[in-house]
Amino acid sequence: MAVLAGLGWTGRNNLLVNPDFGAQLRYNSVLTDMPLEADAPLAFGCARCHACVGVCPAGAIKDEPADFDHKGCFAKLKVFKNERNLGQHICGICVKACGGRV
């Protein structure tokens, strides 16, 4: 919904990327019947940026968002969860590297 509302685009990291804040945002939904106008969807804005590709410990991020390796990413999350005794499947390295438009 956020992509369709013009808040960002789906980046190489397969996350919503905002032009100002990269992937470093949290979004919530608000259901309303208030008449609102959505912005137009934004074009893919990663351009020449490959910051997330180079730091992904799973090698899951590719040049095209459609080629993202979901299974490889999740496998690495399981490793992190077990090695670090975490209660969650969490990484965030690509989120930290993503800064929005280049």
PDB file of N, CA and C in Angstrom:
ATOM      1  N   MET A   1       0.818  -1.186   0.000  1.00  0.00           N
ATOM      2  CA  MET A   1       0.000   0.000   0.000  1.00  0.00           C
ATOM      3  C   MET A   1       0.867   1.256   0.000  1.00  0.00           C
ATOM      4  N   ALA A   2       1.993   1.201   0.702  1.00  0.00           N
ATOM      5  CA  ALA A   2       2.860   2.379   0.783  1.00  0.00           C
ATOM      6  C   ALA A   2       3.464   2.716  -0.574  1.00  0.00           C
ATOM      7  N   VAL A   3       3.798   1.698  -1.365  1.00  0.00           N
ATOM      8  CA  VAL A   3       4.320   1.945  -2.711  1.00  0.00           C
ATOM      9  C   VAL A   3       3.249   2.621  -3.555  1.00  0.00           C
ATOM     10  N   LEU A   4       2.038   2.096  -3.506  1.00  0.00           N
ATOM     11  CA  LEU A   4       0.938   2.675  -4.286  1.00  0.00           C
ATOM     12  C   LEU A   4       0.596   4.090  -3.824  1.00  0.00           C
ATOM     13  N   ALA A   5       0.815   4.390  -2.554  1.00  0.00           N
ATOM     14  CA  ALA A   5       0.534   5.718  -2.017  1.00  0.00           C
ATOM     15  C   ALA A   5       1.650   6.718  -2.307  1.00  0.00           C
ATOM     16  N   GLY A   6       2.751   6.235  -2.907  1.00  0.00           N
ATOM     17  CA  GLY A   6       3.833   7.141  -3.268  1.00  0.00           C
ATOM     18  C   GLY A   6       4.806   7.433  -2.134  1.00  0.00           C
ATOM     19  N   LEU A   7       4.856   6.565  -1.124  1.00  0.00           N
ATOM     20  CA  LEU A   7       5.767   6.783  -0.001  1.00  0.00           C
ATOM     21  C   LEU A   7       7.173   6.262  -0.269  1.00  0.00           C
ATOM     22  N   GLY A   8       7.324   5.458  -1.304  1.00  0.00           N
ATOM     23  CA  GLY A   8       8.622   4.900  -1.637  1.00  0.00           C
ATOM     24  C   GLY A   8       8.496   3.862  -2.730  1.00  0.00           C
ATOM     25  N   TRP A   9       9.559   3.072  -2.920  1.00  0.00           N
ATOM     26  CA  TRP A   9       9.590   2.032  -3.939  1.00  0.00           C
ATOM     27  C   TRP A   9      10.138   0.765  -3.293  1.00  0.00           C
ATOM     28  N   THR A  10       9.962  -0.356  -3.976  1.00  0.00           N
ATOM     29  CA  THR A  10      10.541  -1.608  -3.507  1.00  0.00           C
ATOM     30  C   THR A  10      12.004  -1.628  -3.953  1.00  0.00           C
ATOM     31  N   GLY A  11      12.898  -1.621  -2.991  1.00  0.00           N
ATOM     32  CA  GLY A  11      14.324  -1.559  -3.289  1.00  0.00           C
ATOM     33  C   GLY A  11      14.929  -2.914  -3.583  1.00  0.00           C
ATOM     34  N   ARG A  12      16.219  -2.907  -3.898  1.00  0.00           N
ATOM     35  CA  ARG A  12      16.934  -4.153  -4.149  1.00  0.00           C
ATOM     36  C   ARG A  12      16.855  -5.091  -2.937  1.00  0.00           C
ATOM     37  N   ASN A  13      16.764  -4.506  -1.729  1.00  0.00           N
ATOM     38  CA  ASN A  13      16.684  -5.287  -0.498  1.00  0.00           C
ATOM     39  C   ASN A  13      15.280  -5.836  -0.242  1.00  0.00           C
ATOM     40  N   ASN A  14      14.364  -5.586  -1.192  1.00  0.00           N
ATOM     41  CA  ASN A  14      12.981  -6.047  -1.132  1.00  0.00           C
ATOM     42  C   ASN A  14      12.190  -5.379  -0.027  1.00  0.00           C
ATOM     43  N   LEU A  15      12.673  -4.250   0.460  1.00  0.00           N
ATOM     44  CA  LEU A  15      11.982  -3.465   1.470  1.00  0.00           C
ATOM     45  C   LEU A  15      11.485  -2.173   0.844  1.00  0.00           C
ATOM     46  N   LEU A  16      10.556  -1.522   1.511  1.00  0.00           N
ATOM     47  CA  LEU A  16      10.107  -0.215   1.065  1.00  0.00           C
ATOM     48  C   LEU A  16      11.227   0.788   1.316  1.00  0.00           C
ATOM     49  N   VAL A  17      11.612   1.517   0.272  1.00  0.00           N
ATOM     50  CA  VAL A  17      12.675   2.519   0.376  1.00  0.00           C
ATOM     51  C   VAL A  17      12.066   3.897   0.154  1.00  0.00           C
ATOM     52  N   ASN A  18      12.222   4.761   1.133  1.00  0.00           N
ATOM     53  CA  ASN A  18      11.726   6.131   1.078  1.00  0.00           C
ATOM     54  C   ASN A  18      12.841   7.019   0.520  1.00  0.00           C
ATOM     55  N   PRO A  19      12.521   7.992  -0.351  1.00  0.00           N
ATOM     56  CA  PRO A  19      13.569   8.822  -0.949  1.00  0.00           C
ATOM     57  C   PRO A  19      14.389   9.620   0.054  1.00  0.00           C
ATOM     58  N   ASP A  20      13.829   9.947   1.201  1.00  0.00           N
ATOM     59  CA  ASP A  20      14.559  10.741   2.193  1.00  0.00           C
ATOM     60  C   ASP A  20      15.244   9.904   3.269  1.00  0.00           C
ATOM     61  N   PHE A  21      14.640   8.798   3.648  1.00  0.00           N
ATOM     62  CA  PHE A  21      15.126   8.025   4.793  1.00  0.00           C
ATOM     63  C   PHE A  21      15.562   6.610   4.456  1.00  0.00           C
ATOM     64  N   GLY A  22      15.556   6.249   3.181  1.00  0.00           N
ATOM     65  CA  GLY A  22      15.924   4.892   2.808  1.00  0.00           C
ATOM     66  C   GLY A  22      14.940   3.891   3.379  1.00  0.00           C
ATOM     67  N   ALA A  23      15.455   2.766   3.836  1.00  0.00           N
ATOM     68  CA  ALA A  23      14.610   1.716   4.408  1.00  0.00           C
ATOM     69  C   ALA A  23      14.488   1.864   5.922  1.00  0.00           C
ATOM     70  N   GLN A  24      14.996   2.958   6.460  1.00  0.00           N
ATOM     71  CA  GLN A  24      15.071   3.137   7.909  1.00  0.00           C
ATOM     72  C   GLN A  24      13.824   3.806   8.493  1.00  0.00           C
ATOM     73  N   LEU A  25      12.661   3.293   8.133  1.00  0.00           N
ATOM     74  CA  LEU A  25      11.388   3.802   8.644  1.00  0.00           C
ATOM     75  C   LEU A  25      10.490   2.644   9.040  1.00  0.00           C
ATOM     76  N   ARG A  26       9.556   2.906   9.909  1.00  0.00           N
ATOM     77  CA  ARG A  26       8.504   1.952  10.267  1.00  0.00           C
ATOM     78  C   ARG A  26       7.180   2.552   9.808  1.00  0.00           C
ATOM     79  N   TYR A  27       6.323   1.713   9.274  1.00  0.00           N
ATOM     80  CA  TYR A  27       5.034   2.176   8.765  1.00  0.00           C
ATOM     81  C   TYR A  27       3.900   1.477   9.498  1.00  0.00           C
ATOM     82  N   ASN A  28       2.796   2.172   9.634  1.00  0.00           N
ATOM     83  CA  ASN A  28       1.565   1.621  10.180  1.00  0.00           C
ATOM     84  C   ASN A  28       0.435   1.976   9.231  1.00  0.00           C
ATOM     85  N   SER A  29      -0.634   1.242   9.305  1.00  0.00           N
ATOM     86  CA  SER A  29      -1.817   1.515   8.495  1.00  0.00           C
ATOM     87  C   SER A  29      -2.890   2.146   9.361  1.00  0.00           C
ATOM     88  N   VAL A  30      -3.618   3.064   8.779  1.00  0.00           N
ATOM     89  CA  VAL A  30      -4.762   3.671   9.439  1.00  0.00           C
ATOM     90  C   VAL A  30      -5.956   3.464   8.509  1.00  0.00           C
ATOM     91  N   LEU A  31      -6.981   2.841   9.019  1.00  0.00           N
ATOM     92  CA  LEU A  31      -8.186   2.621   8.227  1.00  0.00           C
ATOM     93  C   LEU A  31      -9.149   3.774   8.488  1.00  0.00           C
ATOM     94  N   THR A  32      -9.609   4.377   7.402  1.00  0.00           N
ATOM     95  CA  THR A  32     -10.517   5.519   7.538  1.00  0.00           C
ATOM     96  C   THR A  32     -11.416   5.599   6.310  1.00  0.00           C
ATOM     97  N   ASP A  33     -12.533   6.286   6.464  1.00  0.00           N
ATOM     98  CA  ASP A  33     -13.380   6.563   5.305  1.00  0.00           C
ATOM     99  C   ASP A  33     -13.246   8.036   4.905  1.00  0.00           C
ATOM    100  N   MET A  34     -12.246   8.699   5.473  1.00  0.00           N
ATOM    101  CA  MET A  34     -11.986  10.101   5.140  1.00  0.00           C
ATOM    102  C   MET A  34     -11.504  10.190   3.688  1.00  0.00           C
ATOM    103  N   PRO A  35     -12.041  11.115   2.897  1.00  0.00           N
ATOM    104  CA  PRO A  35     -11.610  11.220   1.499  1.00  0.00           C
ATOM    105  C   PRO A  35     -10.182  11.797   1.416  1.00  0.00           C
ATOM    106  N   LEU A  36      -9.252  10.965   1.007  1.00  0.00           N
ATOM    107  CA  LEU A  36      -7.847  11.354   0.887  1.00  0.00           C
ATOM    108  C   LEU A  36      -7.361  11.071  -0.528  1.00  0.00           C
ATOM    109  N   GLU A  37      -6.444  11.878  -1.007  1.00  0.00           N
ATOM    110  CA  GLU A  37      -5.840  11.634  -2.309  1.00  0.00           C
ATOM    111  C   GLU A  37      -4.456  11.048  -2.111  1.00  0.00           C
ATOM    112  N   ALA A  38      -4.207   9.924  -2.763  1.00  0.00           N
ATOM    113  CA  ALA A  38      -2.886   9.303  -2.697  1.00  0.00           C
ATOM    114  C   ALA A  38      -1.979   9.938  -3.743  1.00  0.00           C
ATOM    115  N   ASP A  39      -0.695  10.016  -3.428  1.00  0.00           N
ATOM    116  CA  ASP A  39       0.276  10.447  -4.429  1.00  0.00           C
ATOM    117  C   ASP A  39       0.448   9.331  -5.447  1.00  0.00           C
ATOM    118  N   ALA A  40       1.102   9.640  -6.542  1.00  0.00           N
ATOM    119  CA  ALA A  40       1.390   8.629  -7.552  1.00  0.00           C
ATOM    120  C   ALA A  40       2.564   7.774  -7.068  1.00  0.00           C
ATOM    121  N   PRO A  41       2.588   6.501  -7.462  1.00  0.00           N
ATOM    122  CA  PRO A  41       3.733   5.657  -7.093  1.00  0.00           C
ATOM    123  C   PRO A  41       5.041   6.260  -7.617  1.00  0.00           C
ATOM    124  N   LEU A  42       6.098   6.067  -6.867  1.00  0.00           N
ATOM    125  CA  LEU A  42       7.414   6.560  -7.264  1.00  0.00           C
ATOM    126  C   LEU A  42       8.120   5.535  -8.132  1.00  0.00           C
ATOM    127  N   ALA A  43       8.943   6.009  -9.034  1.00  0.00           N
ATOM    128  CA  ALA A  43       9.751   5.111  -9.851  1.00  0.00           C
ATOM    129  C   ALA A  43      10.853   4.499  -8.988  1.00  0.00           C
ATOM    130  N   PHE A  44      11.395   3.383  -9.428  1.00  0.00           N
ATOM    131  CA  PHE A  44      12.513   2.734  -8.738  1.00  0.00           C
ATOM    132  C   PHE A  44      13.617   3.763  -8.589  1.00  0.00           C
ATOM    133  N   GLY A  45      14.064   4.011  -7.354  1.00  0.00           N
ATOM    134  CA  GLY A  45      14.995   5.099  -7.106  1.00  0.00           C
ATOM    135  C   GLY A  45      16.374   4.695  -6.621  1.00  0.00           C
ATOM    136  N   CYS A  46      16.682   3.428  -6.642  1.00  0.00           N
ATOM    137  CA  CYS A  46      18.000   3.008  -6.150  1.00  0.00           C
ATOM    138  C   CYS A  46      19.124   3.414  -7.109  1.00  0.00           C
ATOM    139  N   ALA A  47      18.782   3.653  -8.355  1.00  0.00           N
ATOM    140  CA  ALA A  47      19.748   4.093  -9.374  1.00  0.00           C
ATOM    141  C   ALA A  47      21.011   3.244  -9.336  1.00  0.00           C
ATOM    142  N   ARG A  48      22.148   3.886  -9.142  1.00  0.00           N
ATOM    143  CA  ARG A  48      23.432   3.155  -9.135  1.00  0.00           C
ATOM    144  C   ARG A  48      23.810   2.654  -7.747  1.00  0.00           C
ATOM    145  N   CYS A  49      22.982   2.910  -6.754  1.00  0.00           N
ATOM    146  CA  CYS A  49      23.303   2.494  -5.387  1.00  0.00           C
ATOM    147  C   CYS A  49      23.187   0.974  -5.250  1.00  0.00           C
ATOM    148  N   HIS A  50      24.231   0.381  -4.710  1.00  0.00           N
ATOM    149  CA  HIS A  50      24.243  -1.051  -4.413  1.00  0.00           C
ATOM    150  C   HIS A  50      24.738  -1.284  -2.988  1.00  0.00           C
ATOM    151  N   ALA A  51      24.559  -0.295  -2.115  1.00  0.00           N
ATOM    152  CA  ALA A  51      25.077  -0.378  -0.744  1.00  0.00           C
ATOM    153  C   ALA A  51      24.555  -1.610  -0.016  1.00  0.00           C
ATOM    154  N   CYS A  52      23.298  -1.935  -0.188  1.00  0.00           N
ATOM    155  CA  CYS A  52      22.718  -3.087   0.501  1.00  0.00           C
ATOM    156  C   CYS A  52      23.244  -4.403  -0.065  1.00  0.00           C
ATOM    157  N   VAL A  53      23.555  -4.417  -1.350  1.00  0.00           N
ATOM    158  CA  VAL A  53      24.052  -5.636  -1.995  1.00  0.00           C
ATOM    159  C   VAL A  53      25.380  -6.050  -1.378  1.00  0.00           C
ATOM    160  N   GLY A  54      26.262  -5.086  -1.203  1.00  0.00           N
ATOM    161  CA  GLY A  54      27.600  -5.379  -0.709  1.00  0.00           C
ATOM    162  C   GLY A  54      27.682  -5.790   0.741  1.00  0.00           C
ATOM    163  N   VAL A  55      26.697  -5.430   1.547  1.00  0.00           N
ATOM    164  CA  VAL A  55      26.768  -5.734   2.982  1.00  0.00           C
ATOM    165  C   VAL A  55      25.908  -6.928   3.398  1.00  0.00           C
ATOM    166  N   CYS A  56      25.088  -7.433   2.516  1.00  0.00           N
ATOM    167  CA  CYS A  56      24.184  -8.538   2.875  1.00  0.00           C
ATOM    168  C   CYS A  56      24.990  -9.797   3.202  1.00  0.00           C
ATOM    169  N   PRO A  57      24.928 -10.262   4.461  1.00  0.00           N
ATOM    170  CA  PRO A  57      25.715 -11.436   4.840  1.00  0.00           C
ATOM    171  C   PRO A  57      25.227 -12.729   4.184  1.00  0.00           C
ATOM    172  N   ALA A  58      24.004 -12.729   3.668  1.00  0.00           N
ATOM    173  CA  ALA A  58      23.458 -13.921   3.020  1.00  0.00           C
ATOM    174  C   ALA A  58      23.683 -13.895   1.517  1.00  0.00           C
ATOM    175  N   GLY A  59      24.105 -12.747   0.982  1.00  0.00           N
ATOM    176  CA  GLY A  59      24.220 -12.625  -0.474  1.00  0.00           C
ATOM    177  C   GLY A  59      22.865 -12.711  -1.150  1.00  0.00           C
ATOM    178  N   ALA A  60      21.812 -12.352  -0.427  1.00  0.00           N
ATOM    179  CA  ALA A  60      20.440 -12.503  -0.917  1.00  0.00           C
ATOM    180  C   ALA A  60      19.997 -11.366  -1.824  1.00  0.00           C
ATOM    181  N   ILE A  61      20.686 -10.222  -1.761  1.00  0.00           N
ATOM    182  CA  ILE A  61      20.253  -9.042  -2.507  1.00  0.00           C
ATOM    183  C   ILE A  61      20.958  -9.011  -3.848  1.00  0.00           C
ATOM    184  N   LYS A  62      20.179  -8.901  -4.891  1.00  0.00           N
ATOM    185  CA  LYS A  62      20.684  -8.900  -6.273  1.00  0.00           C
ATOM    186  C   LYS A  62      20.406  -7.548  -6.920  1.00  0.00           C
ATOM    187  N   ASP A  63      20.819  -7.382  -8.169  1.00  0.00           N
ATOM    188  CA  ASP A  63      20.588  -6.121  -8.882  1.00  0.00           C
ATOM    189  C   ASP A  63      19.108  -5.802  -9.053  1.00  0.00           C
ATOM    190  N   GLU A  64      18.310  -6.814  -9.289  1.00  0.00           N
ATOM    191  CA  GLU A  64      16.875  -6.615  -9.500  1.00  0.00           C
ATOM    192  C   GLU A  64      16.101  -7.056  -8.256  1.00  0.00           C
ATOM    193  N   PRO A  65      15.188  -6.216  -7.772  1.00  0.00           N
ATOM    194  CA  PRO A  65      14.393  -6.600  -6.602  1.00  0.00           C
ATOM    195  C   PRO A  65      13.678  -7.948  -6.766  1.00  0.00           C
ATOM    196  N   ALA A  66      13.263  -8.266  -7.983  1.00  0.00           N
ATOM    197  CA  ALA A  66      12.557  -9.530  -8.229  1.00  0.00           C
ATOM    198  C   ALA A  66      13.457 -10.744  -8.020  1.00  0.00           C
ATOM    199  N   ASP A  67      14.764 -10.549  -8.050  1.00  0.00           N
ATOM    200  CA  ASP A  67      15.707 -11.655  -7.887  1.00  0.00           C
ATOM    201  C   ASP A  67      16.151 -11.861  -6.440  1.00  0.00           C
ATOM    202  N   PHE A  68      15.561 -11.109  -5.509  1.00  0.00           N
ATOM    203  CA  PHE A  68      15.903 -11.235  -4.089  1.00  0.00           C
ATOM    204  C   PHE A  68      15.737 -12.685  -3.641  1.00  0.00           C
ATOM    205  N   ASP A  69      16.719 -13.216  -2.922  1.00  0.00           N
ATOM    206  CA  ASP A  69      16.708 -14.606  -2.459  1.00  0.00           C
ATOM    207  C   ASP A  69      16.093 -14.675  -1.058  1.00  0.00           C
ATOM    208  N   HIS A  70      14.774 -14.813  -1.005  1.00  0.00           N
ATOM    209  CA  HIS A  70      14.053 -14.858   0.273  1.00  0.00           C
ATOM    210  C   HIS A  70      14.509 -16.033   1.136  1.00  0.00           C
ATOM    211  N   LYS A  71      14.709 -17.176   0.515  1.00  0.00           N
ATOM    212  CA  LYS A  71      15.110 -18.364   1.271  1.00  0.00           C
ATOM    213  C   LYS A  71      16.516 -18.197   1.844  1.00  0.00           C
ATOM    214  N   GLY A  72      17.427 -17.626   1.071  1.00  0.00           N
ATOM    215  CA  GLY A  72      18.783 -17.387   1.560  1.00  0.00           C
ATOM    216  C   GLY A  72      18.799 -16.393   2.703  1.00  0.00           C
ATOM    217  N   CYS A  73      17.994 -15.338   2.597  1.00  0.00           N
ATOM    218  CA  CYS A  73      17.879 -14.339   3.659  1.00  0.00           C
ATOM    219  C   CYS A  73      17.358 -14.991   4.934  1.00  0.00           C
ATOM    220  N   PHE A  74      16.284 -15.770   4.818  1.00  0.00           N
ATOM    221  CA  PHE A  74      15.699 -16.387   6.003  1.00  0.00           C
ATOM    222  C   PHE A  74      16.652 -17.405   6.629  1.00  0.00           C
ATOM    223  N   ALA A  75      17.401 -18.128   5.804  1.00  0.00           N
ATOM    224  CA  ALA A  75      18.374 -19.089   6.330  1.00  0.00           C
ATOM    225  C   ALA A  75      19.426 -18.366   7.181  1.00  0.00           C
ATOM    226  N   LYS A  76      19.887 -17.211   6.720  1.00  0.00           N
ATOM    227  CA  LYS A  76      20.874 -16.439   7.494  1.00  0.00           C
ATOM    228  C   LYS A  76      20.242 -15.888   8.768  1.00  0.00           C
ATOM    229  N   LEU A  77      18.976 -15.473   8.695  1.00  0.00           N
ATOM    230  CA  LEU A  77      18.282 -14.999   9.898  1.00  0.00           C
ATOM    231  C   LEU A  77      18.192 -16.100  10.951  1.00  0.00           C
ATOM    232  N   LYS A  78      17.964 -17.337  10.514  1.00  0.00           N
ATOM    233  CA  LYS A  78      17.920 -18.456  11.451  1.00  0.00           C
ATOM    234  C   LYS A  78      19.277 -18.668  12.106  1.00  0.00           C
ATOM    235  N   VAL A  79      20.344 -18.535  11.318  1.00  0.00           N
ATOM    236  CA  VAL A  79      21.695 -18.668  11.867  1.00  0.00           C
ATOM    237  C   VAL A  79      21.933 -17.593  12.922  1.00  0.00           C
ATOM    238  N   PHE A  80      21.618 -16.339  12.589  1.00  0.00           N
ATOM    239  CA  PHE A  80      21.790 -15.241  13.553  1.00  0.00           C
ATOM    240  C   PHE A  80      20.985 -15.500  14.828  1.00  0.00           C
ATOM    241  N   LYS A  81      19.745 -15.959  14.660  1.00  0.00           N
ATOM    242  CA  LYS A  81      18.881 -16.209  15.814  1.00  0.00           C
ATOM    243  C   LYS A  81      19.500 -17.247  16.735  1.00  0.00           C
ATOM    244  N   ASN A  82      20.019 -18.312  16.160  1.00  0.00           N
ATOM    245  CA  ASN A  82      20.587 -19.396  16.963  1.00  0.00           C
ATOM    246  C   ASN A  82      21.964 -19.049  17.529  1.00  0.00           C
ATOM    247  N   GLU A  83      22.829 -18.444  16.714  1.00  0.00           N
ATOM    248  CA  GLU A  83      24.178 -18.111  17.166  1.00  0.00           C
ATOM    249  C   GLU A  83      24.173 -17.048  18.257  1.00  0.00           C
ATOM    250  N   ARG A  84      23.263 -16.101  18.142  1.00  0.00           N
ATOM    251  CA  ARG A  84      23.242 -14.956  19.049  1.00  0.00           C
ATOM    252  C   ARG A  84      22.190 -15.097  20.143  1.00  0.00           C
ATOM    253  N   ASN A  85      21.536 -16.265  20.171  1.00  0.00           N
ATOM    254  CA  ASN A  85      20.519 -16.540  21.180  1.00  0.00           C
ATOM    255  C   ASN A  85      19.441 -15.453  21.213  1.00  0.00           C
ATOM    256  N   LEU A  86      18.975 -15.071  20.022  1.00  0.00           N
ATOM    257  CA  LEU A  86      17.927 -14.058  19.902  1.00  0.00           C
ATOM    258  C   LEU A  86      16.560 -14.727  19.909  1.00  0.00           C
ATOM    259  N   GLY A  87      15.570 -14.026  20.315  1.00  0.00           N
ATOM    260  CA  GLY A  87      14.211 -14.541  20.278  1.00  0.00           C
ATOM    261  C   GLY A  87      13.509 -14.240  18.968  1.00  0.00           C
ATOM    262  N   GLN A  88      14.195 -13.528  18.069  1.00  0.00           N
ATOM    263  CA  GLN A  88      13.598 -13.090  16.808  1.00  0.00           C
ATOM    264  C   GLN A  88      14.508 -13.438  15.636  1.00  0.00           C
ATOM    265  N   HIS A  89      13.910 -13.547  14.466  1.00  0.00           N
ATOM    266  CA  HIS A  89      14.676 -13.659  13.225  1.00  0.00           C
ATOM    267  C   HIS A  89      14.933 -12.224  12.767  1.00  0.00           C
ATOM    268  N   ILE A  90      16.135 -11.709  13.029  1.00  0.00           N
ATOM    269  CA  ILE A  90      16.391 -10.298  12.754  1.00  0.00           C
ATOM    270  C   ILE A  90      17.834 -10.100  12.295  1.00  0.00           C
ATOM    271  N   CYS A  91      18.000  -9.157  11.380  1.00  0.00           N
ATOM    272  CA  CYS A  91      19.329  -8.806  10.892  1.00  0.00           C
ATOM    273  C   CYS A  91      19.439  -7.282  10.840  1.00  0.00           C
ATOM    274  N   GLY A  92      18.882  -6.655   9.801  1.00  0.00           N
ATOM    275  CA  GLY A  92      18.867  -5.196   9.702  1.00  0.00           C
ATOM    276  C   GLY A  92      20.095  -4.574   9.071  1.00  0.00           C
ATOM    277  N   ILE A  93      21.050  -5.376   8.620  1.00  0.00           N
ATOM    278  CA  ILE A  93      22.269  -4.829   8.029  1.00  0.00           C
ATOM    279  C   ILE A  93      21.958  -4.060   6.746  1.00  0.00           C
ATOM    280  N   CYS A  94      21.063  -4.579   5.921  1.00  0.00           N
ATOM    281  CA  CYS A  94      20.709  -3.876   4.679  1.00  0.00           C
ATOM    282  C   CYS A  94      19.921  -2.602   4.978  1.00  0.00           C
ATOM    283  N   VAL A  95      19.126  -2.618   6.033  1.00  0.00           N
ATOM    284  CA  VAL A  95      18.361  -1.431   6.429  1.00  0.00           C
ATOM    285  C   VAL A  95      19.322  -0.312   6.819  1.00  0.00           C
ATOM    286  N   LYS A  96      20.333  -0.644   7.590  1.00  0.00           N
ATOM    287  CA  LYS A  96      21.320   0.343   8.023  1.00  0.00           C
ATOM    288  C   LYS A  96      22.071   0.933   6.835  1.00  0.00           C
ATOM    289  N   ALA A  97      22.375   0.104   5.834  1.00  0.00           N
ATOM    290  CA  ALA A  97      23.143   0.551   4.675  1.00  0.00           C
ATOM    291  C   ALA A  97      22.339   1.404   3.708  1.00  0.00           C
ATOM    292  N   CYS A  98      21.011   1.271   3.738  1.00  0.00           N
ATOM    293  CA  CYS A  98      20.151   1.941   2.760  1.00  0.00           C
ATOM    294  C   CYS A  98      19.864   3.380   3.153  1.00  0.00           C
ATOM    295  N   GLY A  99      20.238   4.304   2.281  1.00  0.00           N
ATOM    296  CA  GLY A  99      20.036   5.715   2.586  1.00  0.00           C
ATOM    297  C   GLY A  99      19.075   6.443   1.667  1.00  0.00           C
ATOM    298  N   GLY A 100      18.355   5.736   0.815  1.00  0.00           N
ATOM    299  CA  GLY A 100      17.429   6.398  -0.107  1.00  0.00           C
ATOM    300  C   GLY A 100      18.098   6.755  -1.419  1.00  0.00           C
ATOM    301  N   ARG A 101      17.664   7.831  -2.024  1.00  0.00           N
ATOM    302  CA  ARG A 101      18.187   8.241  -3.337  1.00  0.00           C
ATOM    303  C   ARG A 101      19.663   8.576  -3.304  1.00  0.00           C
ATOM    304  N   VAL A 102      20.290   8.244  -4.407  1.00  0.00           N
ATOM    305  CA  VAL A 102      21.715   8.553  -4.575  1.00  0.00           C
ATOM    306  C   VAL A 102      21.855   9.643  -5.600  1.00  0.00           C
TER     307      VAL A 102
END
